[in-house]
Amino acid sequence: GELEDHPVAGSDPEHPGLVRIYKDPDQPNDRYENAWHTDATWRDAPPMGCVLRCVECPPVGGDTMWANMALAYEKLPQDVKERIEGLRARHSIEASFGAAMPVEKRLALKAMYPDAEHPVVRTHPETGEKILFVNAFATHLTNFHTPERVRYGQDYSMGGSDLLRYLVSQAYIPEYQVRWRWKKNSVAIWDNRSTQHYAVMDYPPCVRKMERAGIIGDKTF
């Protein structure tokens, strides 16, 4: 498929769509890695898949973990599945990558990439599996505040945020995860629609250099 550019990480000028993720001790404020997420869900059409190649890695550490979010949905208690059916969530680049920017630059980023809205439970377009589709980019549930769910204000403010926090935390369960130990020139390819991943930042002061390509996906409904 066609490759996407990243508005914050940027692309290699000679290879559009190739993002260089180079981390070293001389960039102490540029080590944003250790968070479970699905790539670019702040887009209306997040990547359908991603490819990551290791250029240079530390002798120990710097692993990447993936979580199976189809399994995470399957294992949810039945009453939770019923509660989240039909719910939607807002995903934001402003509240994640933009948070460290000066206010003018952050607002300009949001104007370029307005918050996207996706179903909390997404159906995989090829396998038909149901997928728990919330992650660190999700800020709030957009249609939680209904008479059926809310009696008083605290039902909305805490009920929705506590539920979202619980759902996001499902990726943390080890039984849903796999962990990959990188070697130079090893390559990982994953389905971005049904997984989350986490780059383990346990390698300072070593260098870690990766190259990533994200494949443009379809809008969620």
C-alpha atoms as a PDB file:
ATOM      1  CA  GLY A   1       0.000   0.000   0.000  1.00  0.00           C
ATOM      2  CA  GLU A   2       0.868   3.683  -0.014  1.00  0.00           C
ATOM      3  CA  LEU A   3       3.044   4.951   2.838  1.00  0.00           C
ATOM      4  CA  GLU A   4       2.144   7.763   5.228  1.00  0.00           C
ATOM      5  CA  ASP A   5       4.276  10.624   6.500  1.00  0.00           C
ATOM      6  CA  HIS A   6       4.410  11.399  10.215  1.00  0.00           C
ATOM      7  CA  PRO A   7       3.796  15.080  11.065  1.00  0.00           C
ATOM      8  CA  VAL A   8       6.018  15.040  14.159  1.00  0.00           C
ATOM      9  CA  ALA A   9       8.640  12.360  13.579  1.00  0.00           C
ATOM     10  CA  GLY A  10       9.098  13.402   9.942  1.00  0.00           C
ATOM     11  CA  SER A  11      10.249  11.300   7.001  1.00  0.00           C
ATOM     12  CA  ASP A  12      13.574  10.716   5.312  1.00  0.00           C
ATOM     13  CA  PRO A  13      13.810  13.482   2.638  1.00  0.00           C
ATOM     14  CA  GLU A  14      15.049  10.969   0.073  1.00  0.00           C
ATOM     15  CA  HIS A  15      12.488   8.276   0.952  1.00  0.00           C
ATOM     16  CA  PRO A  16       8.979   9.670   1.643  1.00  0.00           C
ATOM     17  CA  GLY A  17       7.122   7.577   4.188  1.00  0.00           C
ATOM     18  CA  LEU A  18      10.292   6.198   5.788  1.00  0.00           C
ATOM     19  CA  VAL A  19      10.468   7.430   9.399  1.00  0.00           C
ATOM     20  CA  ARG A  20      13.851   7.292  11.108  1.00  0.00           C
ATOM     21  CA  ILE A  21      13.509   6.650  14.843  1.00  0.00           C
ATOM     22  CA  TYR A  22      17.034   7.341  16.033  1.00  0.00           C
ATOM     23  CA  LYS A  23      17.501   7.533  19.815  1.00  0.00           C
ATOM     24  CA  ASP A  24      20.776   8.354  21.555  1.00  0.00           C
ATOM     25  CA  PRO A  25      22.003   9.851  24.863  1.00  0.00           C
ATOM     26  CA  ASP A  26      22.444  13.265  23.248  1.00  0.00           C
ATOM     27  CA  GLN A  27      18.640  13.543  22.884  1.00  0.00           C
ATOM     28  CA  PRO A  28      17.434  13.266  26.508  1.00  0.00           C
ATOM     29  CA  ASN A  29      14.080  14.915  25.729  1.00  0.00           C
ATOM     30  CA  ASP A  30      13.390  12.887  22.596  1.00  0.00           C
ATOM     31  CA  ARG A  31      12.873   9.428  24.052  1.00  0.00           C
ATOM     32  CA  TYR A  32       9.074   9.139  23.907  1.00  0.00           C
ATOM     33  CA  GLU A  33       8.661   5.414  23.506  1.00  0.00           C
ATOM     34  CA  ASN A  34       7.445   3.565  26.556  1.00  0.00           C
ATOM     35  CA  ALA A  35       3.673   3.644  26.107  1.00  0.00           C
ATOM     36  CA  TRP A  36       1.213   1.089  24.772  1.00  0.00           C
ATOM     37  CA  HIS A  37      -0.351   2.457  21.597  1.00  0.00           C
ATOM     38  CA  THR A  38      -1.695   1.714  18.136  1.00  0.00           C
ATOM     39  CA  ASP A  39       0.064   3.850  15.556  1.00  0.00           C
ATOM     40  CA  ALA A  40      -1.637   7.094  14.525  1.00  0.00           C
ATOM     41  CA  THR A  41      -5.180   6.429  15.710  1.00  0.00           C
ATOM     42  CA  TRP A  42      -5.399  10.237  15.851  1.00  0.00           C
ATOM     43  CA  ARG A  43      -5.914   9.972  12.074  1.00  0.00           C
ATOM     44  CA  ASP A  44      -9.346   9.364  10.544  1.00  0.00           C
ATOM     45  CA  ALA A  45      -7.697   6.502   8.667  1.00  0.00           C
ATOM     46  CA  PRO A  46      -4.980   4.971  10.883  1.00  0.00           C
ATOM     47  CA  PRO A  47      -2.314   2.778   9.233  1.00  0.00           C
ATOM     48  CA  MET A  48      -3.485  -0.720   8.385  1.00  0.00           C
ATOM     49  CA  GLY A  49      -0.021  -2.101   9.083  1.00  0.00           C
ATOM     50  CA  CYS A  50       3.549  -1.112   9.852  1.00  0.00           C
ATOM     51  CA  VAL A  51       7.053  -2.356   9.088  1.00  0.00           C
ATOM     52  CA  LEU A  52       9.974  -1.729  11.432  1.00  0.00           C
ATOM     53  CA  ARG A  53      13.639  -2.493  10.689  1.00  0.00           C
ATOM     54  CA  CYS A  54      16.483  -2.422  13.187  1.00  0.00           C
ATOM     55  CA  VAL A  55      19.487  -0.404  11.999  1.00  0.00           C
ATOM     56  CA  GLU A  56      21.375  -0.428  15.301  1.00  0.00           C
ATOM     57  CA  CYS A  57      20.366  -1.704  18.721  1.00  0.00           C
ATOM     58  CA  PRO A  58      21.883  -1.938  22.190  1.00  0.00           C
ATOM     59  CA  PRO A  59      23.546  -5.199  23.253  1.00  0.00           C
ATOM     60  CA  VAL A  60      20.808  -5.644  25.873  1.00  0.00           C
ATOM     61  CA  GLY A  61      17.352  -4.028  26.023  1.00  0.00           C
ATOM     62  CA  GLY A  62      15.352  -1.963  23.560  1.00  0.00           C
ATOM     63  CA  ASP A  63      12.861  -4.781  22.901  1.00  0.00           C
ATOM     64  CA  THR A  64       9.425  -4.202  21.371  1.00  0.00           C
ATOM     65  CA  MET A  65       6.259  -5.819  22.729  1.00  0.00           C
ATOM     66  CA  TRP A  66       2.936  -6.317  20.934  1.00  0.00           C
ATOM     67  CA  ALA A  67      -0.488  -6.991  22.453  1.00  0.00           C
ATOM     68  CA  ASN A  68      -3.277  -8.914  20.708  1.00  0.00           C
ATOM     69  CA  MET A  69      -6.318  -6.650  21.001  1.00  0.00           C
ATOM     70  CA  ALA A  70      -8.662  -9.186  19.406  1.00  0.00           C
ATOM     71  CA  LEU A  71      -7.834 -11.520  22.283  1.00  0.00           C
ATOM     72  CA  ALA A  72      -8.173  -8.598  24.721  1.00  0.00           C
ATOM     73  CA  TYR A  73     -11.744  -8.045  23.528  1.00  0.00           C
ATOM     74  CA  GLU A  74     -12.558 -11.772  23.536  1.00  0.00           C
ATOM     75  CA  LYS A  75     -11.483 -12.100  27.185  1.00  0.00           C
ATOM     76  CA  LEU A  76     -13.485  -9.110  28.465  1.00  0.00           C
ATOM     77  CA  PRO A  77     -16.285  -9.980  30.920  1.00  0.00           C
ATOM     78  CA  GLN A  78     -19.631 -10.242  29.168  1.00  0.00           C
ATOM     79  CA  ASP A  79     -21.124  -7.340  31.119  1.00  0.00           C
ATOM     80  CA  VAL A  80     -18.279  -5.076  29.956  1.00  0.00           C
ATOM     81  CA  LYS A  81     -18.831  -6.126  26.338  1.00  0.00           C
ATOM     82  CA  GLU A  82     -22.470  -5.125  26.716  1.00  0.00           C
ATOM     83  CA  ARG A  83     -21.554  -1.763  28.289  1.00  0.00           C
ATOM     84  CA  ILE A  84     -19.151  -0.783  25.510  1.00  0.00           C
ATOM     85  CA  GLU A  85     -21.224  -1.934  22.551  1.00  0.00           C
ATOM     86  CA  GLY A  86     -21.779   1.090  20.324  1.00  0.00           C
ATOM     87  CA  LEU A  87     -19.430   3.371  22.278  1.00  0.00           C
ATOM     88  CA  ARG A  88     -17.014   5.647  20.438  1.00  0.00           C
ATOM     89  CA  ALA A  89     -13.810   7.375  21.574  1.00  0.00           C
ATOM     90  CA  ARG A  90     -11.909  10.496  20.561  1.00  0.00           C
ATOM     91  CA  HIS A  91      -8.186  10.130  19.717  1.00  0.00           C
ATOM     92  CA  SER A  92      -5.811  13.103  19.783  1.00  0.00           C
ATOM     93  CA  ILE A  93      -2.352  14.013  18.512  1.00  0.00           C
ATOM     94  CA  GLU A  94      -2.634  17.315  20.377  1.00  0.00           C
ATOM     95  CA  ALA A  95      -2.845  15.616  23.784  1.00  0.00           C
ATOM     96  CA  SER A  96       0.078  13.266  23.021  1.00  0.00           C
ATOM     97  CA  PHE A  97       2.802  14.459  20.650  1.00  0.00           C
ATOM     98  CA  GLY A  98       1.521  18.036  20.862  1.00  0.00           C
ATOM     99  CA  ALA A  99       1.611  18.239  24.659  1.00  0.00           C
ATOM    100  CA  ALA A 100       5.323  19.105  24.756  1.00  0.00           C
ATOM    101  CA  MET A 101       5.029  21.815  22.096  1.00  0.00           C
ATOM    102  CA  PRO A 102       4.599  25.568  22.610  1.00  0.00           C
ATOM    103  CA  VAL A 103       0.900  26.449  22.598  1.00  0.00           C
ATOM    104  CA  GLU A 104       0.930  28.043  19.116  1.00  0.00           C
ATOM    105  CA  LYS A 105       2.614  25.035  17.547  1.00  0.00           C
ATOM    106  CA  ARG A 106       0.340  22.625  19.408  1.00  0.00           C
ATOM    107  CA  LEU A 107      -2.814  24.399  18.212  1.00  0.00           C
ATOM    108  CA  ALA A 108      -1.483  24.477  14.656  1.00  0.00           C
ATOM    109  CA  LEU A 109      -0.885  20.723  14.854  1.00  0.00           C
ATOM    110  CA  LYS A 110      -4.462  20.158  16.043  1.00  0.00           C
ATOM    111  CA  ALA A 111      -5.801  22.356  13.237  1.00  0.00           C
ATOM    112  CA  MET A 112      -3.933  20.201  10.739  1.00  0.00           C
ATOM    113  CA  TYR A 113      -4.956  16.926  12.398  1.00  0.00           C
ATOM    114  CA  PRO A 114      -8.291  17.396  14.197  1.00  0.00           C
ATOM    115  CA  ASP A 115      -9.125  14.749  16.786  1.00  0.00           C
ATOM    116  CA  ALA A 116     -10.395  11.561  15.180  1.00  0.00           C
ATOM    117  CA  GLU A 117     -13.309   9.448  16.444  1.00  0.00           C
ATOM    118  CA  HIS A 118     -13.291   5.653  16.277  1.00  0.00           C
ATOM    119  CA  PRO A 119     -15.502   2.866  17.612  1.00  0.00           C
ATOM    120  CA  VAL A 120     -14.311   1.422  20.919  1.00  0.00           C
ATOM    121  CA  VAL A 121     -14.878  -2.024  19.422  1.00  0.00           C
ATOM    122  CA  ARG A 122     -13.707  -2.222  15.838  1.00  0.00           C
ATOM    123  CA  THR A 123     -14.521  -5.062  13.441  1.00  0.00           C
ATOM    124  CA  HIS A 124     -11.498  -6.217  11.469  1.00  0.00           C
ATOM    125  CA  PRO A 125     -12.324  -5.650   7.778  1.00  0.00           C
ATOM    126  CA  GLU A 126     -10.717  -8.923   6.659  1.00  0.00           C
ATOM    127  CA  THR A 127     -11.068 -11.428   9.507  1.00  0.00           C
ATOM    128  CA  GLY A 128     -14.341 -10.174  10.983  1.00  0.00           C
ATOM    129  CA  GLU A 129     -12.827 -10.309  14.491  1.00  0.00           C
ATOM    130  CA  LYS A 130     -13.935  -7.777  17.083  1.00  0.00           C
ATOM    131  CA  ILE A 131     -11.033  -5.679  18.359  1.00  0.00           C
ATOM    132  CA  LEU A 132     -10.705  -3.482  21.432  1.00  0.00           C
ATOM    133  CA  PHE A 133      -9.638  -0.263  19.690  1.00  0.00           C
ATOM    134  CA  VAL A 134      -8.642   2.229  22.399  1.00  0.00           C
ATOM    135  CA  ASN A 135      -5.098   3.102  23.414  1.00  0.00           C
ATOM    136  CA  ALA A 136      -2.914   5.894  24.809  1.00  0.00           C
ATOM    137  CA  PHE A 137      -4.141   8.334  22.120  1.00  0.00           C
ATOM    138  CA  ALA A 138      -7.783   8.023  23.308  1.00  0.00           C
ATOM    139  CA  THR A 139      -8.854  10.996  25.432  1.00  0.00           C
ATOM    140  CA  HIS A 140     -12.542  10.344  26.177  1.00  0.00           C
ATOM    141  CA  LEU A 141     -15.679   8.453  25.207  1.00  0.00           C
ATOM    142  CA  THR A 142     -17.757  10.707  22.972  1.00  0.00           C
ATOM    143  CA  ASN A 143     -21.206   9.144  23.371  1.00  0.00           C
ATOM    144  CA  PHE A 144     -21.114   7.925  26.965  1.00  0.00           C
ATOM    145  CA  HIS A 145     -23.234  10.764  28.371  1.00  0.00           C
ATOM    146  CA  THR A 146     -26.734   9.390  27.798  1.00  0.00           C
ATOM    147  CA  PRO A 147     -29.746   9.127  30.136  1.00  0.00           C
ATOM    148  CA  GLU A 148     -29.239   5.365  30.368  1.00  0.00           C
ATOM    149  CA  ARG A 149     -25.709   5.776  31.769  1.00  0.00           C
ATOM    150  CA  VAL A 150     -25.787   9.096  33.606  1.00  0.00           C
ATOM    151  CA  ARG A 151     -27.921  10.167  36.583  1.00  0.00           C
ATOM    152  CA  TYR A 152     -25.653  12.913  37.941  1.00  0.00           C
ATOM    153  CA  GLY A 153     -22.494  14.658  36.757  1.00  0.00           C
ATOM    154  CA  GLN A 154     -20.157  12.305  38.559  1.00  0.00           C
ATOM    155  CA  ASP A 155     -21.608   9.376  36.618  1.00  0.00           C
ATOM    156  CA  TYR A 156     -20.380  11.068  33.463  1.00  0.00           C
ATOM    157  CA  SER A 157     -17.045  12.470  34.585  1.00  0.00           C
ATOM    158  CA  MET A 158     -15.887   9.411  36.521  1.00  0.00           C
ATOM    159  CA  GLY A 159     -17.995   6.715  34.899  1.00  0.00           C
ATOM    160  CA  GLY A 160     -16.733   7.387  31.383  1.00  0.00           C
ATOM    161  CA  SER A 161     -13.115   8.109  32.322  1.00  0.00           C
ATOM    162  CA  ASP A 162     -12.857   5.079  34.622  1.00  0.00           C
ATOM    163  CA  LEU A 163     -14.296   2.825  31.934  1.00  0.00           C
ATOM    164  CA  LEU A 164     -11.884   4.170  29.311  1.00  0.00           C
ATOM    165  CA  ARG A 165      -8.932   3.753  31.666  1.00  0.00           C
ATOM    166  CA  TYR A 166      -9.967   0.145  32.322  1.00  0.00           C
ATOM    167  CA  LEU A 167     -10.254  -0.598  28.616  1.00  0.00           C
ATOM    168  CA  VAL A 168      -6.889   0.996  27.775  1.00  0.00           C
ATOM    169  CA  SER A 169      -5.265  -1.069  30.538  1.00  0.00           C
ATOM    170  CA  GLN A 170      -6.186  -4.373  28.846  1.00  0.00           C
ATOM    171  CA  ALA A 171      -3.042  -4.136  26.700  1.00  0.00           C
ATOM    172  CA  TYR A 172      -0.967  -4.383  29.885  1.00  0.00           C
ATOM    173  CA  ILE A 173      -1.976  -8.014  30.519  1.00  0.00           C
ATOM    174  CA  PRO A 174       1.070 -10.256  29.862  1.00  0.00           C
ATOM    175  CA  GLU A 175      -1.004 -13.173  28.556  1.00  0.00           C
ATOM    176  CA  TYR A 176      -1.977 -11.048  25.544  1.00  0.00           C
ATOM    177  CA  GLN A 177       1.597 -10.059  24.693  1.00  0.00           C
ATOM    178  CA  VAL A 178       4.626 -11.153  22.728  1.00  0.00           C
ATOM    179  CA  ARG A 179       8.102  -9.657  23.188  1.00  0.00           C
ATOM    180  CA  TRP A 180      10.662  -9.328  20.382  1.00  0.00           C
ATOM    181  CA  ARG A 181      14.403  -9.004  20.967  1.00  0.00           C
ATOM    182  CA  TRP A 182      15.966  -7.028  18.137  1.00  0.00           C
ATOM    183  CA  LYS A 183      19.114  -7.803  16.183  1.00  0.00           C
ATOM    184  CA  LYS A 184      20.678  -5.659  13.492  1.00  0.00           C
ATOM    185  CA  ASN A 185      18.628  -5.811  10.251  1.00  0.00           C
ATOM    186  CA  SER A 186      15.794  -7.813  11.795  1.00  0.00           C
ATOM    187  CA  VAL A 187      12.346  -6.756  10.540  1.00  0.00           C
ATOM    188  CA  ALA A 188       8.929  -6.820  12.180  1.00  0.00           C
ATOM    189  CA  ILE A 189       5.621  -6.475  10.300  1.00  0.00           C
ATOM    190  CA  TRP A 190       2.333  -6.117  12.164  1.00  0.00           C
ATOM    191  CA  ASP A 191      -1.357  -5.517  11.636  1.00  0.00           C
ATOM    192  CA  ASN A 192      -1.931  -2.095  13.187  1.00  0.00           C
ATOM    193  CA  ARG A 193      -5.701  -2.637  13.280  1.00  0.00           C
ATOM    194  CA  SER A 194      -5.649  -5.478  15.785  1.00  0.00           C
ATOM    195  CA  THR A 195      -2.571  -4.858  17.914  1.00  0.00           C
ATOM    196  CA  GLN A 196      -0.914  -2.382  20.229  1.00  0.00           C
ATOM    197  CA  HIS A 197       2.835  -2.138  20.728  1.00  0.00           C
ATOM    198  CA  TYR A 198       5.330  -0.798  23.242  1.00  0.00           C
ATOM    199  CA  ALA A 199       8.995   0.115  22.709  1.00  0.00           C
ATOM    200  CA  VAL A 200      10.793  -0.737  25.939  1.00  0.00           C
ATOM    201  CA  MET A 201      13.004   2.197  26.942  1.00  0.00           C
ATOM    202  CA  ASP A 202      15.448   0.316  29.166  1.00  0.00           C
ATOM    203  CA  TYR A 203      18.651   0.894  27.217  1.00  0.00           C
ATOM    204  CA  PRO A 204      20.099   4.362  28.082  1.00  0.00           C
ATOM    205  CA  PRO A 205      22.840   5.370  27.587  1.00  0.00           C
ATOM    206  CA  CYS A 206      23.007   3.128  24.499  1.00  0.00           C
ATOM    207  CA  VAL A 207      21.929   4.001  20.948  1.00  0.00           C
ATOM    208  CA  ARG A 208      18.844   2.536  19.251  1.00  0.00           C
ATOM    209  CA  LYS A 209      18.167   3.232  15.571  1.00  0.00           C
ATOM    210  CA  MET A 210      15.050   1.992  13.802  1.00  0.00           C
ATOM    211  CA  GLU A 211      13.347   2.694  10.464  1.00  0.00           C
ATOM    212  CA  ARG A 212       9.560   2.547  10.197  1.00  0.00           C
ATOM    213  CA  ALA A 213       7.070   2.558   7.347  1.00  0.00           C
ATOM    214  CA  GLY A 214       3.335   2.901   8.008  1.00  0.00           C
ATOM    215  CA  ILE A 215       0.882   1.690   5.362  1.00  0.00           C
ATOM    216  CA  ILE A 216      -2.152   3.934   4.884  1.00  0.00           C
ATOM    217  CA  GLY A 217      -5.370   2.292   6.039  1.00  0.00           C
ATOM    218  CA  ASP A 218      -9.119   2.810   5.803  1.00  0.00           C
ATOM    219  CA  LYS A 219     -11.485   4.893   7.893  1.00  0.00           C
ATOM    220  CA  THR A 220     -13.168   3.168  10.810  1.00  0.00           C
ATOM    221  CA  PHE A 221     -16.938   3.098  11.179  1.00  0.00           C
END
